[in-house]
Protein backbone atom coordinates (compact mmCIF):
# COMPACT_ATOMS: atom_id res chain seq x y z
CA UNK A 1 137.24 -19.86 -4.92
CA UNK A 2 139.97 -17.81 -5.33
CA UNK A 3 137.41 -14.98 -6.38
CA UNK A 4 135.66 -15.01 -3.46
CA UNK A 5 138.13 -14.61 -1.57
CA UNK A 6 139.55 -11.95 -3.03
CA UNK A 7 136.23 -10.37 -2.81
CA UNK A 8 136.47 -10.91 0.97
CA UNK A 9 139.58 -9.55 1.16
CA UNK A 10 138.96 -6.58 -0.92
CA UNK A 11 135.74 -5.76 1.00
CA UNK A 12 137.43 -6.07 4.21
CA UNK A 13 140.29 -4.17 3.02
CA UNK A 14 137.81 -1.37 1.66
CA UNK A 15 135.89 -1.46 4.88
CA UNK A 16 139.50 -1.01 7.19
CA UNK A 17 140.64 1.86 4.66
CA UNK A 18 136.84 3.16 5.16
CA UNK A 19 137.09 2.93 8.71
CA UNK A 20 140.88 4.23 8.83
CA UNK A 21 139.99 7.30 6.84
CA UNK A 22 136.99 8.12 8.93
CA UNK A 23 139.30 7.56 11.87
CA UNK A 24 141.66 10.01 10.24
CA UNK A 25 139.11 12.33 9.42
CA UNK A 26 137.55 12.38 13.17
CA UNK A 27 141.54 12.52 14.46
CA UNK A 28 142.06 15.54 12.38
CA UNK A 29 139.10 17.05 13.52
CA UNK A 30 139.82 16.53 17.20
CA UNK A 31 143.32 17.68 15.98
CA UNK A 32 141.88 20.90 14.67
CA UNK A 33 139.62 21.28 17.24
CA UNK A 34 142.22 20.99 19.81
CA UNK A 35 144.77 23.39 17.97
CA UNK A 36 142.07 26.10 17.92
CA UNK A 37 141.07 25.83 21.75
CA UNK A 38 145.41 25.87 22.32
CA UNK A 39 145.50 28.73 19.91
CA UNK A 40 142.52 30.53 21.58
CA UNK A 41 143.77 29.58 25.02
CA UNK A 42 147.33 30.82 23.79
CA UNK A 43 145.77 34.27 22.72
CA UNK A 44 143.84 34.74 25.71
CA UNK A 45 147.01 33.99 27.57
CA UNK A 46 148.86 36.80 25.66
CA UNK A 47 146.25 39.02 25.85
CA UNK A 48 146.50 38.39 29.94
CA UNK A 49 150.04 38.80 29.38
CA UNK A 50 150.13 41.73 27.41
CA UNK A 51 147.53 43.45 29.71
CA UNK A 52 149.35 42.51 33.05
CA UNK A 53 152.42 43.93 31.10
CA UNK A 54 150.52 47.09 30.58
CA UNK A 55 149.31 47.54 33.45
CA UNK A 56 152.83 47.07 34.95
CA UNK A 57 153.99 49.58 32.70
CA UNK A 58 151.03 52.04 33.74
CA UNK A 59 152.28 51.78 37.19
CA UNK A 60 155.71 52.00 36.63
CA UNK A 61 155.08 55.30 34.53
CA UNK A 62 152.94 56.45 37.32
CA UNK A 63 155.64 55.87 39.93
CA UNK A 64 158.17 57.46 37.83
CA UNK A 65 156.14 60.43 37.07
CA UNK A 66 155.38 60.23 40.61
CA UNK A 67 159.25 60.21 41.83
CA UNK A 68 160.31 62.77 39.21
CA UNK A 69 157.60 65.14 40.65
CA UNK A 70 158.96 64.75 43.81
CA UNK A 71 162.10 65.50 42.87
CA UNK A 72 161.14 68.77 40.87
CA UNK A 73 159.46 69.66 44.08
CA UNK A 74 162.52 68.78 46.47
CA UNK A 75 164.77 71.17 43.71
CA UNK A 76 162.24 74.08 43.65
CA UNK A 77 161.90 73.52 47.86
CA UNK A 78 165.78 73.48 47.58
CA UNK A 79 166.16 76.16 45.47
CA UNK A 80 163.48 78.52 47.61
CA UNK A 81 165.38 77.85 50.58
CA UNK A 82 168.43 78.83 48.96
CA UNK A 83 166.88 82.42 47.51
CA UNK A 84 165.47 82.58 51.33
CA UNK A 85 169.11 82.27 52.84
CA UNK A 86 170.49 84.85 50.08
CA UNK A 87 167.46 87.14 51.13
CA UNK A 88 168.32 86.78 54.97
CA UNK A 89 172.22 87.26 53.97
CA UNK A 90 171.54 90.44 52.56
CA UNK A 91 169.90 91.83 55.11
CA UNK A 92 172.28 90.88 57.46
CA UNK A 93 174.99 92.31 55.27
CA UNK A 94 172.82 95.53 55.17
CA UNK A 95 172.75 96.32 58.62
CA UNK A 96 176.67 95.24 59.17
CA UNK A 97 177.02 97.94 56.45
CA UNK A 98 175.03 100.74 57.77
CA UNK A 99 176.63 104.31 57.42
CA UNK A 100 178.33 104.81 60.84
CA UNK A 101 175.56 107.21 62.25
CA UNK A 102 172.91 104.94 61.00
CA UNK A 103 174.74 101.96 62.79
CA UNK A 104 175.59 103.53 66.08
CA UNK A 105 171.78 104.93 65.98
CA UNK A 106 170.35 101.35 65.66
CA UNK A 107 172.73 99.85 68.47
CA UNK A 108 172.04 102.47 70.55
CA UNK A 109 168.33 101.99 70.24
CA UNK A 110 168.52 98.17 70.26
CA UNK A 111 170.90 98.46 73.64
CA UNK A 112 168.49 100.70 75.57
CA UNK A 113 165.47 98.30 74.63
CA UNK A 114 167.47 95.17 75.76
CA UNK A 115 168.92 97.06 79.09
CA UNK A 116 166.87 95.87 81.92
CA UNK A 117 168.79 97.61 84.80
CA UNK A 118 170.52 100.23 82.54
CA UNK A 119 173.85 99.25 84.52
CA UNK A 120 174.59 96.29 82.22
CA UNK A 121 178.35 96.24 80.10
CA UNK A 122 177.64 96.19 76.74
CA UNK A 123 180.13 93.60 74.81
CA UNK A 124 181.09 94.28 70.80
CA UNK A 125 183.01 92.44 67.98
CA UNK A 126 186.78 93.53 68.22
CA UNK A 127 186.45 95.39 64.75
CA UNK A 128 183.13 97.40 66.12
CA UNK A 129 184.12 97.68 69.61
CA UNK A 130 187.03 100.83 68.73
CA UNK A 131 184.83 101.99 65.60
CA UNK A 132 181.32 102.14 67.40
CA UNK A 133 181.31 101.10 70.96
CA UNK A 134 181.85 104.36 72.74
CA UNK A 135 179.37 106.46 70.61
CA UNK A 136 176.59 103.62 71.03
CA UNK A 137 176.92 102.99 74.76
CA UNK A 138 177.09 107.02 75.21
CA UNK A 139 173.79 107.24 72.99
CA UNK A 140 172.11 104.19 74.75
CA UNK A 141 172.76 106.18 78.45
CA UNK A 142 170.94 109.38 76.91
CA UNK A 143 168.25 107.32 75.56
CA UNK A 144 167.88 105.69 79.10
CA UNK A 145 168.18 109.11 80.95
CA UNK A 146 168.95 108.81 84.57
CA UNK A 147 168.53 105.30 84.38
CA UNK A 148 171.53 104.82 82.20
CA UNK A 149 174.80 103.61 83.68
CA UNK A 150 176.15 101.40 81.07
CA UNK A 151 179.58 100.68 80.37
CA UNK A 152 181.69 99.52 77.73
CA UNK A 153 183.20 95.97 78.37
CA UNK A 154 187.09 95.94 77.35
CA UNK A 155 186.34 91.95 76.25
CA UNK A 156 185.39 91.45 72.57
CA UNK A 157 183.32 88.28 71.17
CA UNK A 158 183.52 86.48 67.57
CA UNK A 159 180.18 88.41 66.24
CA UNK A 160 179.89 89.70 62.89
CA UNK A 161 177.61 92.95 64.20
CA UNK A 162 175.35 94.01 67.07
CA UNK A 163 176.35 93.04 70.72
CA UNK A 164 176.02 91.23 74.01
CA UNK A 165 174.23 92.56 77.10
CA UNK A 166 175.96 91.51 79.99
CA UNK A 167 174.83 91.81 83.43
CA UNK A 168 177.01 89.15 85.90
CA UNK A 169 175.73 85.71 85.08
CA UNK A 170 173.23 87.00 82.97
CA UNK A 171 174.04 87.91 78.83
CA UNK A 172 171.48 88.96 76.43
CA UNK A 173 172.42 88.17 72.85
CA UNK A 174 171.90 90.90 70.81
CA UNK A 175 174.02 90.25 68.00
CA UNK A 176 172.76 90.85 64.14
CA UNK A 177 173.27 87.37 63.60
CA UNK A 178 170.67 86.41 66.22
CA UNK A 179 168.33 88.82 65.07
CA UNK A 180 167.94 88.13 62.06
CA UNK A 181 167.72 84.52 62.82
CA UNK A 182 164.76 85.46 65.54
CA UNK A 183 163.22 87.96 63.19
CA UNK A 184 163.24 85.26 60.12
CA UNK A 185 161.17 82.50 62.25
CA UNK A 186 158.21 85.10 62.22
CA UNK A 187 158.78 86.80 58.89
CA UNK A 188 159.94 83.44 56.50
CA UNK A 189 156.35 82.93 55.57
CA UNK A 190 155.46 86.69 54.30
CA UNK A 191 159.00 86.58 52.96
CA UNK A 192 158.27 83.74 50.94
CA UNK A 193 155.31 84.97 49.80
CA UNK A 194 156.55 88.19 48.30
CA UNK A 195 159.42 86.18 46.87
CA UNK A 196 157.42 83.43 45.18
CA UNK A 197 153.99 84.73 44.81
CA UNK A 198 154.58 85.34 40.82
CA UNK A 199 156.61 81.77 40.42
C-alpha cells in the first residue's frame, strides 16, 4: 500500500515537475520575447534619439555656418566702408593740399559757379583767408565779368577748405568737406566698383 502511495506521489511530483518545467520554459520564452521586443524598442528609441541629435546638430551647424558667414560679410562690409572712407578722405586731403595756383583757380571757379547775384560775401577758414582769400575772390570776380562784385568777408569759419558764400541771411556751403560728402553720394557705387571689382 505504501508502495502505491509512493507511486502516486511520485507520479504527482513528476506531473508537477513537468508542469513547472513547462511553465518555466513558457515563462522564459515570454521573457526572451519581451526582452527582444524591448531591445528592439530601445534600439528604435536610440536610433530616433540619434537621428534627432544628428538633425539638431545639422541645424546647429547650419546656424553656426550662417552666423559665421553673416559675421564675415559684416566684417567685409566694415572693411570696405573703411576703405571707402579712406578713399574719400584722400580725395579731401588732395583738395586741401593743392598747390597755391591750382587751389586759387579751383576755389575761384567754384565761387563763380555758386554765385547767384555776384554781390555775395565770401567766407574762408582762418588758415585760408590770408593765404588765398583775396586772390580767389579777385579771380572769381574776373570770371563773373561785369556781374562780379563779390567781397572777401572779415569773418572766418571753422572749415578745412573751400568757402561759404553769404548773401544776407542766405548762405551756400561750398566747403570741401561738404562738396566731397555730396559727391560721395553720387559716385560711391562707382568708386566701390573700382575699388572692389577684383576682390
